[in-house]
């Protein structure tokens, strides 16, 4: 693919901006009818397979965690997510944007991530109603430098 085609794909497929790769196992947690379907479909197209659900019983490369303020304790959810990924794996935390039902304060995300032993490496616009935060284990964050 040409560099121009790569950039075009990044604009049209939001999953391409998130660093998903073919063959990755992506476990989705917190799915509901309010999630960003276009992003989900883009991830599946990029990895070449369906997302696995909360009942998947092996380790994943990436956890896609949809989390709303009313979903309980974010730190607990992140600790659970860490247990589902390979060493050096990534958690993409998707939270509703400011002003949307279920909005989570950025300071709450940062505090929960730190308490769970994760580092936030970047945030993205994940669609009309969702923001994504890329969270990695400190070992994975150092390896990316």
Protein backbone atom coordinates (compact mmCIF):
# COMPACT_ATOMS: atom_id res chain seq x y z
CA UNK A 1 0.00 0.00 0.00
CA UNK A 2 1.23 3.49 -0.70
CA UNK A 3 1.78 6.07 2.01
CA UNK A 4 -1.17 8.02 0.61
CA UNK A 5 -3.42 4.96 0.85
CA UNK A 6 -2.26 4.37 4.44
CA UNK A 7 -3.22 7.94 5.38
CA UNK A 8 -6.58 7.59 3.63
CA UNK A 9 -7.29 4.40 5.57
CA UNK A 10 -6.45 6.14 8.85
CA UNK A 11 -9.03 8.82 8.06
CA UNK A 12 -11.75 6.39 6.98
CA UNK A 13 -11.11 3.56 9.46
CA UNK A 14 -10.85 4.87 13.02
CA UNK A 15 -9.39 1.52 14.13
CA UNK A 16 -6.31 2.13 11.97
CA UNK A 17 -5.44 5.16 14.14
CA UNK A 18 -5.56 3.01 17.26
CA UNK A 19 -2.77 0.69 16.17
CA UNK A 20 -4.75 -2.51 15.77
CA UNK A 21 -3.02 -5.12 13.60
CA UNK A 22 -4.15 -8.15 11.60
CA UNK A 23 -4.35 -11.33 13.65
CA UNK A 24 -4.66 -9.64 17.04
CA UNK A 25 -7.14 -11.06 19.55
CA UNK A 26 -9.24 -8.17 20.88
CA UNK A 27 -11.46 -8.85 23.87
CA UNK A 28 -14.40 -6.48 24.26
CA UNK A 29 -15.82 -5.72 27.68
CA UNK A 30 -18.78 -3.50 28.53
CA UNK A 31 -20.54 -3.80 25.17
CA UNK A 32 -24.02 -2.28 25.06
CA UNK A 33 -26.21 -0.76 22.36
CA UNK A 34 -24.67 2.68 22.95
CA UNK A 35 -21.14 1.77 21.80
CA UNK A 36 -19.55 3.14 18.63
CA UNK A 37 -20.49 0.49 16.04
CA UNK A 38 -18.34 2.01 13.28
CA UNK A 39 -15.26 1.70 15.50
CA UNK A 40 -16.09 -1.93 16.38
CA UNK A 41 -16.56 -2.81 12.70
CA UNK A 42 -13.30 -1.05 11.81
CA UNK A 43 -11.40 -3.01 14.46
CA UNK A 44 -12.85 -6.30 13.18
CA UNK A 45 -11.93 -5.37 9.60
CA UNK A 46 -8.38 -4.50 10.69
CA UNK A 47 -7.73 -7.61 12.81
CA UNK A 48 -9.50 -9.89 10.31
CA UNK A 49 -11.77 -11.57 12.85
CA UNK A 50 -14.61 -10.90 15.27
CA UNK A 51 -14.00 -9.31 18.64
CA UNK A 52 -14.13 -11.87 21.44
CA UNK A 53 -16.52 -11.26 24.32
CA UNK A 54 -16.25 -11.27 28.10
CA UNK A 55 -16.52 -15.08 28.20
CA UNK A 56 -13.30 -15.61 26.19
CA UNK A 57 -11.04 -17.82 28.32
CA UNK A 58 -7.58 -17.20 26.87
CA UNK A 59 -5.33 -14.13 26.90
CA UNK A 60 -5.92 -11.33 24.43
CA UNK A 61 -3.53 -8.91 22.75
CA UNK A 62 -5.81 -5.93 23.43
CA UNK A 63 -8.79 -5.28 25.69
CA UNK A 64 -11.42 -2.87 24.39
CA UNK A 65 -13.19 -1.65 27.54
CA UNK A 66 -16.38 0.41 27.17
CA UNK A 67 -16.89 2.10 30.53
CA UNK A 68 -19.56 4.50 31.76
CA UNK A 69 -19.64 6.31 35.11
CA UNK A 70 -22.50 4.11 36.34
CA UNK A 71 -20.63 0.87 35.47
CA UNK A 72 -19.03 0.60 38.91
CA UNK A 73 -15.43 1.01 40.00
CA UNK A 74 -13.08 1.92 37.13
CA UNK A 75 -9.95 0.76 38.99
CA UNK A 76 -11.49 -2.70 39.50
CA UNK A 77 -12.49 -2.84 35.83
CA UNK A 78 -8.93 -1.94 34.76
CA UNK A 79 -7.34 -4.49 37.12
CA UNK A 80 -9.66 -7.15 35.67
CA UNK A 81 -8.73 -6.04 32.12
CA UNK A 82 -5.00 -6.34 32.85
CA UNK A 83 -5.54 -9.97 33.81
CA UNK A 84 -6.95 -10.66 30.34
CA UNK A 85 -4.05 -9.41 28.21
CA UNK A 86 -0.61 -10.66 27.25
CA UNK A 87 2.37 -9.06 28.97
CA UNK A 88 2.90 -5.77 27.18
CA UNK A 89 -0.69 -5.74 25.92
CA UNK A 90 -2.87 -2.67 25.62
CA UNK A 91 -6.16 -1.64 27.20
CA UNK A 92 -8.21 0.80 25.13
CA UNK A 93 -10.57 2.45 27.60
CA UNK A 94 -13.58 3.98 25.86
CA UNK A 95 -15.61 6.48 27.87
CA UNK A 96 -18.47 8.80 26.89
CA UNK A 97 -17.47 12.30 25.83
CA UNK A 98 -18.10 15.36 28.00
CA UNK A 99 -21.81 16.06 28.38
CA UNK A 100 -22.89 12.52 27.40
CA UNK A 101 -24.60 10.12 29.80
CA UNK A 102 -21.99 8.14 31.70
CA UNK A 103 -19.18 10.71 31.27
CA UNK A 104 -16.06 9.89 33.31
CA UNK A 105 -13.78 12.72 34.47
CA UNK A 106 -10.25 12.57 32.97
CA UNK A 107 -8.79 12.88 36.49
CA UNK A 108 -10.76 9.76 37.51
CA UNK A 109 -9.36 7.88 34.49
CA UNK A 110 -5.81 8.95 35.32
CA UNK A 111 -6.15 8.02 39.00
CA UNK A 112 -7.74 4.63 38.24
CA UNK A 113 -5.10 3.83 35.62
CA UNK A 114 -2.25 4.68 38.00
CA UNK A 115 -3.80 2.68 40.84
CA UNK A 116 -4.19 -0.31 38.49
CA UNK A 117 -0.54 0.00 37.46
CA UNK A 118 -1.19 1.38 33.98
CA UNK A 119 0.17 4.40 32.14
CA UNK A 120 -1.97 6.50 29.82
CA UNK A 121 -0.05 7.02 26.60
CA UNK A 122 -2.59 8.90 24.50
CA UNK A 123 -6.23 9.84 24.01
CA UNK A 124 -8.23 9.86 20.80
CA UNK A 125 -11.63 10.81 19.47
CA UNK A 126 -13.25 7.38 19.16
CA UNK A 127 -16.44 8.53 17.46
CA UNK A 128 -19.38 10.84 17.89
CA UNK A 129 -20.02 9.97 21.54
CA UNK A 130 -16.83 8.27 22.79
CA UNK A 131 -13.26 9.14 23.75
CA UNK A 132 -10.53 6.50 23.88
CA UNK A 133 -7.58 6.32 26.26
CA UNK A 134 -4.68 3.99 25.46
CA UNK A 135 -3.44 2.40 28.66
CA UNK A 136 -0.36 0.17 28.89
CA UNK A 137 1.62 -1.59 31.58
CA UNK A 138 4.74 0.41 32.50
CA UNK A 139 6.95 -2.28 30.94
CA UNK A 140 5.13 -1.88 27.63
CA UNK A 141 5.35 1.91 27.85
CA UNK A 142 9.15 1.75 28.30
CA UNK A 143 9.51 -0.64 25.35
CA UNK A 144 7.76 1.89 23.07
CA UNK A 145 10.31 4.63 23.80
